[in-house]
Amino acid sequence: MNAETNKSLPSLLHPAIQNATRALSLVAIVGLALYSGWAARSRHHDESPITLHPFQVDLNRAAVHELMLLPGVGPRTAERILEDRQTNGPFLSLDDLQRVPGIGPKTIQEIAPHCLPIVETNAPHQETLFAER
């Protein structure tokens, strides 16, 4: 419909301005829709963050390939740990690793975060007695 042919509907804006307004409105609507989708996805990720836990090795049960995952422990040192464990029994603390040739305080400090707490396996079990009423 043309403003010149229909005098009952006067045009407030030039047709070129009307077309530009339509295009900008469409771009704004699409932009808002994309932004709301992006915001919803990023909000979802913020609610459930990923936490990374360091690996931990049980020194008294680990095999050679597991011991080699520890920082500063190569194949030969892992074999020495196994040999010492078989010869001298389980490690009762991390400091017991110093009896293994090639392991000193610095190596123990590096691997400490990657070792499970050492639990004494030969400790007597304490039984809890319950009184009957």
N, C-alpha and C. Protein backbone atom coordinates (compact mmCIF):
# COMPACT_ATOMS: atom_id res chain seq x y z
N MET A 1 0.84 -1.16 0.00
CA MET A 1 0.00 0.00 0.00
C MET A 1 0.89 1.23 0.00
N ASN A 2 0.54 2.18 -0.80
CA ASN A 2 1.33 3.38 -0.96
C ASN A 2 0.62 4.54 -0.29
N ALA A 3 1.37 5.43 0.37
CA ALA A 3 0.78 6.56 1.08
C ALA A 3 0.15 7.54 0.10
N GLU A 4 0.65 7.61 -1.12
CA GLU A 4 0.10 8.55 -2.08
C GLU A 4 -1.25 8.08 -2.61
N THR A 5 -1.47 6.79 -2.70
CA THR A 5 -2.71 6.28 -3.24
C THR A 5 -3.80 6.20 -2.19
N ASN A 6 -3.41 5.99 -0.90
CA ASN A 6 -4.40 5.89 0.16
C ASN A 6 -4.18 7.05 1.12
N LYS A 7 -5.01 8.07 1.03
CA LYS A 7 -4.87 9.28 1.83
C LYS A 7 -5.34 9.07 3.26
N SER A 8 -6.06 7.97 3.55
CA SER A 8 -6.56 7.76 4.91
C SER A 8 -5.47 7.25 5.84
N LEU A 9 -4.37 6.68 5.31
CA LEU A 9 -3.27 6.18 6.12
C LEU A 9 -2.01 6.98 5.81
N PRO A 10 -1.80 8.05 6.55
CA PRO A 10 -0.60 8.84 6.28
C PRO A 10 0.66 8.12 6.79
N SER A 11 1.75 8.24 6.11
CA SER A 11 3.01 7.62 6.49
C SER A 11 3.80 8.57 7.37
N LEU A 12 4.25 8.08 8.51
CA LEU A 12 5.04 8.90 9.42
C LEU A 12 6.52 8.88 9.07
N LEU A 13 6.99 7.77 8.50
CA LEU A 13 8.40 7.63 8.16
C LEU A 13 8.55 7.32 6.67
N HIS A 14 9.69 7.68 6.17
CA HIS A 14 10.02 7.40 4.78
C HIS A 14 10.13 5.88 4.63
N PRO A 15 9.74 5.31 3.49
CA PRO A 15 9.80 3.85 3.30
C PRO A 15 11.20 3.26 3.52
N ALA A 16 12.28 3.96 3.18
CA ALA A 16 13.64 3.45 3.39
C ALA A 16 13.93 3.32 4.89
N ILE A 17 13.45 4.30 5.68
CA ILE A 17 13.65 4.27 7.13
C ILE A 17 12.83 3.12 7.73
N GLN A 18 11.65 2.88 7.21
CA GLN A 18 10.82 1.78 7.70
C GLN A 18 11.53 0.43 7.46
N ASN A 19 12.10 0.26 6.26
CA ASN A 19 12.81 -0.98 5.96
C ASN A 19 14.04 -1.16 6.85
N ALA A 20 14.77 -0.09 7.09
CA ALA A 20 15.95 -0.17 7.96
C ALA A 20 15.53 -0.51 9.39
N THR A 21 14.43 0.04 9.86
CA THR A 21 13.93 -0.25 11.20
C THR A 21 13.53 -1.71 11.33
N ARG A 22 12.88 -2.24 10.29
CA ARG A 22 12.51 -3.66 10.31
C ARG A 22 13.76 -4.55 10.38
N ALA A 23 14.76 -4.24 9.58
CA ALA A 23 15.99 -5.04 9.56
C ALA A 23 16.71 -4.98 10.90
N LEU A 24 16.81 -3.78 11.48
CA LEU A 24 17.48 -3.65 12.78
C LEU A 24 16.70 -4.36 13.88
N SER A 25 15.39 -4.31 13.80
CA SER A 25 14.57 -5.02 14.80
C SER A 25 14.77 -6.52 14.71
N LEU A 26 14.84 -7.03 13.50
CA LEU A 26 15.07 -8.46 13.30
C LEU A 26 16.44 -8.87 13.83
N VAL A 27 17.46 -8.08 13.55
CA VAL A 27 18.81 -8.37 14.05
C VAL A 27 18.82 -8.34 15.58
N ALA A 28 18.13 -7.38 16.19
CA ALA A 28 18.08 -7.28 17.65
C ALA A 28 17.38 -8.48 18.26
N ILE A 29 16.29 -8.93 17.66
CA ILE A 29 15.55 -10.08 18.18
C ILE A 29 16.40 -11.34 18.10
N VAL A 30 17.06 -11.56 16.96
CA VAL A 30 17.93 -12.73 16.80
C VAL A 30 19.09 -12.66 17.80
N GLY A 31 19.67 -11.49 17.96
CA GLY A 31 20.78 -11.32 18.91
C GLY A 31 20.37 -11.62 20.34
N LEU A 32 19.21 -11.14 20.76
CA LEU A 32 18.71 -11.42 22.10
C LEU A 32 18.43 -12.91 22.30
N ALA A 33 17.89 -13.56 21.28
CA ALA A 33 17.62 -14.99 21.38
C ALA A 33 18.93 -15.77 21.53
N LEU A 34 19.94 -15.43 20.74
CA LEU A 34 21.22 -16.11 20.85
C LEU A 34 21.88 -15.85 22.20
N TYR A 35 21.81 -14.63 22.68
CA TYR A 35 22.40 -14.29 23.97
C TYR A 35 21.72 -15.05 25.10
N SER A 36 20.39 -15.15 25.07
CA SER A 36 19.69 -15.85 26.14
C SER A 36 20.04 -17.33 26.14
N GLY A 37 20.21 -17.93 24.96
CA GLY A 37 20.63 -19.33 24.88
C GLY A 37 22.04 -19.52 25.42
N TRP A 38 22.94 -18.61 25.09
CA TRP A 38 24.32 -18.68 25.58
C TRP A 38 24.36 -18.49 27.09
N ALA A 39 23.59 -17.54 27.60
CA ALA A 39 23.58 -17.28 29.05
C ALA A 39 23.03 -18.48 29.81
N ALA A 40 22.03 -19.13 29.27
CA ALA A 40 21.46 -20.31 29.94
C ALA A 40 22.47 -21.44 29.99
N ARG A 41 23.22 -21.66 28.91
CA ARG A 41 24.23 -22.71 28.90
C ARG A 41 25.37 -22.39 29.85
N SER A 42 25.84 -21.16 29.88
CA SER A 42 26.96 -20.81 30.76
C SER A 42 26.53 -20.87 32.21
N ARG A 43 25.30 -20.53 32.51
CA ARG A 43 24.79 -20.61 33.88
C ARG A 43 24.74 -22.06 34.32
N HIS A 44 24.37 -22.96 33.42
CA HIS A 44 24.32 -24.39 33.74
C HIS A 44 25.70 -24.90 34.08
N HIS A 45 26.73 -24.49 33.36
CA HIS A 45 28.09 -24.94 33.61
C HIS A 45 28.62 -24.40 34.93
N ASP A 46 28.21 -23.20 35.31
CA ASP A 46 28.69 -22.61 36.55
C ASP A 46 28.14 -23.34 37.77
N GLU A 47 26.96 -23.97 37.64
CA GLU A 47 26.35 -24.63 38.76
C GLU A 47 27.03 -25.95 39.10
N SER A 48 27.64 -26.61 38.15
CA SER A 48 28.28 -27.90 38.40
C SER A 48 29.72 -27.86 37.90
N PRO A 49 30.62 -27.26 38.68
CA PRO A 49 32.00 -27.17 38.23
C PRO A 49 32.68 -28.52 38.27
N ILE A 50 33.65 -28.68 37.41
CA ILE A 50 34.42 -29.92 37.35
C ILE A 50 35.58 -29.78 38.32
N THR A 51 35.73 -30.75 39.18
CA THR A 51 36.85 -30.75 40.11
C THR A 51 37.77 -31.90 39.77
N LEU A 52 39.03 -31.61 39.72
CA LEU A 52 40.02 -32.62 39.42
C LEU A 52 40.69 -33.05 40.71
N HIS A 53 40.76 -34.34 40.92
CA HIS A 53 41.42 -34.87 42.10
C HIS A 53 42.73 -35.51 41.67
N PRO A 54 43.79 -35.27 42.43
CA PRO A 54 45.04 -35.92 42.06
C PRO A 54 44.95 -37.42 42.29
N PHE A 55 45.66 -38.17 41.46
CA PHE A 55 45.66 -39.61 41.65
C PHE A 55 46.44 -39.93 42.92
N GLN A 56 46.09 -41.04 43.55
CA GLN A 56 46.80 -41.47 44.75
C GLN A 56 47.10 -42.96 44.66
N VAL A 57 48.27 -43.32 45.18
CA VAL A 57 48.77 -44.68 45.09
C VAL A 57 48.95 -45.22 46.51
N ASP A 58 48.57 -46.47 46.71
CA ASP A 58 48.82 -47.16 47.97
C ASP A 58 50.20 -47.79 47.88
N LEU A 59 51.16 -47.26 48.63
CA LEU A 59 52.54 -47.73 48.53
C LEU A 59 52.70 -49.19 48.93
N ASN A 60 51.84 -49.70 49.78
CA ASN A 60 51.96 -51.07 50.25
C ASN A 60 51.26 -52.08 49.35
N ARG A 61 50.54 -51.62 48.33
CA ARG A 61 49.83 -52.54 47.43
C ARG A 61 50.10 -52.27 45.96
N ALA A 62 50.72 -51.16 45.63
CA ALA A 62 50.88 -50.76 44.23
C ALA A 62 51.86 -51.66 43.50
N ALA A 63 51.56 -51.88 42.23
CA ALA A 63 52.45 -52.62 41.34
C ALA A 63 53.46 -51.64 40.73
N VAL A 64 54.41 -52.19 39.98
CA VAL A 64 55.47 -51.37 39.38
C VAL A 64 54.89 -50.26 38.51
N HIS A 65 53.93 -50.60 37.65
CA HIS A 65 53.39 -49.59 36.73
C HIS A 65 52.66 -48.48 37.49
N GLU A 66 52.08 -48.78 38.64
CA GLU A 66 51.41 -47.74 39.43
C GLU A 66 52.43 -46.87 40.14
N LEU A 67 53.49 -47.47 40.65
CA LEU A 67 54.54 -46.69 41.33
C LEU A 67 55.25 -45.75 40.35
N MET A 68 55.35 -46.16 39.08
CA MET A 68 56.01 -45.32 38.08
C MET A 68 55.20 -44.07 37.75
N LEU A 69 53.95 -44.00 38.17
CA LEU A 69 53.15 -42.79 37.95
C LEU A 69 53.55 -41.68 38.91
N LEU A 70 54.24 -42.04 39.98
CA LEU A 70 54.65 -41.04 40.97
C LEU A 70 55.78 -40.18 40.40
N PRO A 71 55.78 -38.87 40.73
CA PRO A 71 56.84 -38.00 40.21
C PRO A 71 58.20 -38.42 40.76
N GLY A 72 59.18 -38.52 39.87
CA GLY A 72 60.54 -38.86 40.26
C GLY A 72 60.78 -40.35 40.43
N VAL A 73 59.78 -41.18 40.15
CA VAL A 73 59.93 -42.63 40.29
C VAL A 73 59.90 -43.26 38.90
N GLY A 74 61.04 -43.80 38.51
CA GLY A 74 61.14 -44.49 37.23
C GLY A 74 61.05 -45.99 37.43
N PRO A 75 61.33 -46.75 36.36
CA PRO A 75 61.21 -48.21 36.46
C PRO A 75 62.14 -48.83 37.50
N ARG A 76 63.37 -48.36 37.56
CA ARG A 76 64.34 -48.94 38.51
C ARG A 76 63.95 -48.60 39.95
N THR A 77 63.55 -47.38 40.21
CA THR A 77 63.15 -47.01 41.57
C THR A 77 61.89 -47.75 41.98
N ALA A 78 60.96 -47.93 41.06
CA ALA A 78 59.74 -48.69 41.37
C ALA A 78 60.09 -50.13 41.73
N GLU A 79 61.03 -50.73 41.00
CA GLU A 79 61.48 -52.09 41.33
C GLU A 79 62.12 -52.13 42.71
N ARG A 80 62.91 -51.12 43.04
CA ARG A 80 63.55 -51.06 44.36
C ARG A 80 62.52 -50.94 45.47
N ILE A 81 61.45 -50.18 45.22
CA ILE A 81 60.39 -50.05 46.23
C ILE A 81 59.75 -51.42 46.47
N LEU A 82 59.46 -52.15 45.39
CA LEU A 82 58.87 -53.49 45.54
C LEU A 82 59.81 -54.44 46.27
N GLU A 83 61.10 -54.40 45.90
CA GLU A 83 62.07 -55.28 46.55
C GLU A 83 62.15 -54.97 48.04
N ASP A 84 62.19 -53.68 48.40
CA ASP A 84 62.26 -53.30 49.81
C ASP A 84 61.00 -53.72 50.55
N ARG A 85 59.86 -53.58 49.91
CA ARG A 85 58.60 -53.97 50.54
C ARG A 85 58.55 -55.47 50.81
N GLN A 86 59.09 -56.24 49.86
CA GLN A 86 59.12 -57.70 50.05
C GLN A 86 60.14 -58.10 51.12
N THR A 87 61.26 -57.40 51.17
CA THR A 87 62.32 -57.74 52.11
C THR A 87 62.02 -57.26 53.53
N ASN A 88 61.61 -56.00 53.67
CA ASN A 88 61.47 -55.38 54.99
C ASN A 88 60.03 -55.24 55.46
N GLY A 89 59.09 -55.64 54.67
CA GLY A 89 57.69 -55.53 55.07
C GLY A 89 57.09 -54.22 54.62
N PRO A 90 55.83 -53.99 54.98
CA PRO A 90 55.13 -52.79 54.50
C PRO A 90 55.72 -51.51 55.09
N PHE A 91 55.45 -50.43 54.36
CA PHE A 91 55.87 -49.11 54.82
C PHE A 91 54.88 -48.64 55.87
N LEU A 92 55.39 -48.22 57.02
CA LEU A 92 54.53 -47.76 58.10
C LEU A 92 54.32 -46.26 58.05
N SER A 93 55.19 -45.56 57.30
CA SER A 93 55.04 -44.12 57.10
C SER A 93 55.76 -43.75 55.80
N LEU A 94 55.54 -42.55 55.34
CA LEU A 94 56.23 -42.10 54.13
C LEU A 94 57.74 -42.03 54.35
N ASP A 95 58.14 -41.73 55.57
CA ASP A 95 59.58 -41.65 55.86
C ASP A 95 60.27 -43.00 55.69
N ASP A 96 59.52 -44.09 55.79
CA ASP A 96 60.11 -45.42 55.56
C ASP A 96 60.61 -45.58 54.14
N LEU A 97 60.16 -44.75 53.23
CA LEU A 97 60.65 -44.82 51.84
C LEU A 97 62.12 -44.46 51.74
N GLN A 98 62.67 -43.77 52.75
CA GLN A 98 64.08 -43.39 52.71
C GLN A 98 64.99 -44.61 52.79
N ARG A 99 64.46 -45.75 53.19
CA ARG A 99 65.28 -46.96 53.22
C ARG A 99 65.49 -47.53 51.81
N VAL A 100 64.75 -47.01 50.82
CA VAL A 100 64.91 -47.43 49.43
C VAL A 100 66.02 -46.60 48.80
N PRO A 101 67.04 -47.25 48.22
CA PRO A 101 68.11 -46.49 47.57
C PRO A 101 67.57 -45.60 46.45
N GLY A 102 68.00 -44.35 46.45
CA GLY A 102 67.58 -43.41 45.42
C GLY A 102 66.40 -42.53 45.83
N ILE A 103 65.84 -42.77 47.02
CA ILE A 103 64.73 -41.95 47.50
C ILE A 103 65.19 -41.22 48.75
N GLY A 104 65.08 -39.90 48.68
CA GLY A 104 65.45 -39.05 49.81
C GLY A 104 64.30 -38.16 50.20
N PRO A 105 64.55 -37.21 51.09
CA PRO A 105 63.48 -36.33 51.57
C PRO A 105 62.82 -35.52 50.45
N LYS A 106 63.60 -35.11 49.45
CA LYS A 106 63.03 -34.31 48.35
C LYS A 106 62.03 -35.15 47.54
N THR A 107 62.38 -36.37 47.24
CA THR A 107 61.47 -37.25 46.49
C THR A 107 60.22 -37.54 47.30
N ILE A 108 60.39 -37.78 48.58
CA ILE A 108 59.23 -38.05 49.45
C ILE A 108 58.29 -36.85 49.46
N GLN A 109 58.86 -35.65 49.51
CA GLN A 109 58.04 -34.44 49.50
C GLN A 109 57.26 -34.31 48.19
N GLU A 110 57.88 -34.69 47.07
CA GLU A 110 57.22 -34.60 45.77
C GLU A 110 56.09 -35.62 45.61
N ILE A 111 56.27 -36.83 46.15
CA ILE A 111 55.26 -37.87 45.95
C ILE A 111 54.21 -37.90 47.05
N ALA A 112 54.43 -37.19 48.15
CA ALA A 112 53.50 -37.24 49.29
C ALA A 112 52.04 -36.94 48.90
N PRO A 113 51.76 -35.92 48.07
CA PRO A 113 50.35 -35.67 47.72
C PRO A 113 49.72 -36.79 46.90
N HIS A 114 50.53 -37.64 46.32
CA HIS A 114 50.03 -38.70 45.45
C HIS A 114 49.98 -40.07 46.14
N CYS A 115 50.24 -40.08 47.45
CA CYS A 115 50.23 -41.34 48.19
C CYS A 115 49.02 -41.37 49.12
N LEU A 116 48.33 -42.51 49.12
CA LEU A 116 47.24 -42.68 50.07
C LEU A 116 47.80 -42.74 51.48
N PRO A 117 47.03 -42.33 52.46
CA PRO A 117 47.52 -42.44 53.84
C PRO A 117 47.85 -43.89 54.16
N ILE A 118 48.96 -44.07 54.84
CA ILE A 118 49.40 -45.43 55.18
C ILE A 118 48.68 -45.86 56.44
N VAL A 119 47.99 -46.98 56.31
CA VAL A 119 47.24 -47.53 57.43
C VAL A 119 47.96 -48.80 57.88
N GLU A 120 48.19 -48.90 59.16
CA GLU A 120 48.86 -50.09 59.67
C GLU A 120 47.91 -51.27 59.54
N THR A 121 48.35 -52.28 58.82
CA THR A 121 47.48 -53.42 58.55
C THR A 121 47.52 -54.45 59.66
N ASN A 122 48.53 -54.46 60.52
CA ASN A 122 48.65 -55.46 61.57
C ASN A 122 48.10 -54.96 62.90
N ALA A 123 47.42 -53.84 62.92
CA ALA A 123 46.89 -53.30 64.17
C ALA A 123 45.72 -54.17 64.63
N PRO A 124 45.66 -54.46 65.95
CA PRO A 124 44.54 -55.26 66.45
C PRO A 124 43.25 -54.48 66.33
N HIS A 125 42.19 -55.19 65.98
CA HIS A 125 40.89 -54.55 65.85
C HIS A 125 40.29 -54.35 67.22
N GLN A 126 39.79 -53.17 67.47
CA GLN A 126 39.13 -52.90 68.74
C GLN A 126 37.65 -53.16 68.57
N GLU A 127 37.12 -53.94 69.48
CA GLU A 127 35.70 -54.23 69.43
C GLU A 127 34.98 -53.32 70.41
N THR A 128 33.86 -52.84 69.99
CA THR A 128 33.07 -51.96 70.84
C THR A 128 32.02 -52.82 71.52
N LEU A 129 31.97 -52.69 72.84
CA LEU A 129 30.99 -53.44 73.62
C LEU A 129 29.78 -52.57 73.87
N PHE A 130 28.61 -53.13 73.71
CA PHE A 130 27.38 -52.42 73.96
C PHE A 130 26.71 -53.05 75.18
N ALA A 131 26.28 -52.23 76.06
CA ALA A 131 25.58 -52.73 77.25
C ALA A 131 24.12 -52.98 76.88
N GLU A 132 23.63 -54.08 77.38
CA GLU A 132 22.23 -54.40 77.12
C GLU A 132 21.38 -53.87 78.26
N ARG A 133 20.20 -53.42 77.96
CA ARG A 133 19.30 -52.91 79.01
C ARG A 133 18.28 -53.93 79.35
